[in-house]
């Protein structure tokens, strides 16, 4: 009986740690303060977030959203528009990179080479070799630029026109959205995209994170302040700092409460396993 209780306690502990991402997710508290035009109250939906991030890779994405074209602007607005587009495209790139790492992990379990890994590596090699001289109309680049992420669209493309291939693609996405590492990255990219969308995307102005504080579990506290914060009027600057500091205090209280709660659960399970 004691051995059975120990096994159950061990299994329960592993489920608790896995469900709350004990190591990866809650070892640090991060508080960012921005001033935006609007705030969305939409909750995180994995499928919807995946579709939205994936759509950034569409060639007509920026035009459909009314995001300014740098070629139509003069300096310094051209530079700002380029930075805005870069921020959007980096969201897709980071999500695809996470997927690449997942494929690498899975490749260790099989001896067969994965064509998606090879494709991604060839693209990186091409980008390094050509750097700023990449020609978007180059046939080789067009082929390599195709994302390795499975497309979320329910409509088959020219190479995947069977119901079976569509079902296989959807199954792969479902498995991907059940991957803890991928979901964490997707959630973060979704939050960053929401921050970008909170401003007037038809303008070249980019929302600024005026203050950022990160607290590590080992006691390290890192605070960063954008230089433009100190270019604001004294009233605005003090208000932003006050709001940020209050957010840090509230966040730390909730963070430590969550840690204490989880530690209590682990301690109780540990006691149970010793019975």
Foldseek 3Di string as FASTA:
>chain_A
DLVVLLVVLVVVLVCLCVVVVVPPPQQKDKFFFWDFQAADPDDDDLLVLVQVLVCLLPPCVCVVLLFDDLVVDDPPLSVLSVVLNVLSVVLNVLLLVLVLVVVVVVCVVDVDDDVLNVLQVVLVVVCVVCPPNDDPPPPVNVVSSPGSQQNSDLDDDPVGHDPVSSVVSVVVVVVQCVDPSSVVSSVVSSVSVSQQVRHRSNGSDGIDRQKMWMAGNVGDIDIDGDPVLVVDDPVSSVVSVVVRVVVVVVRVVVSVVVVVVSVVSSVVSVVSSVD
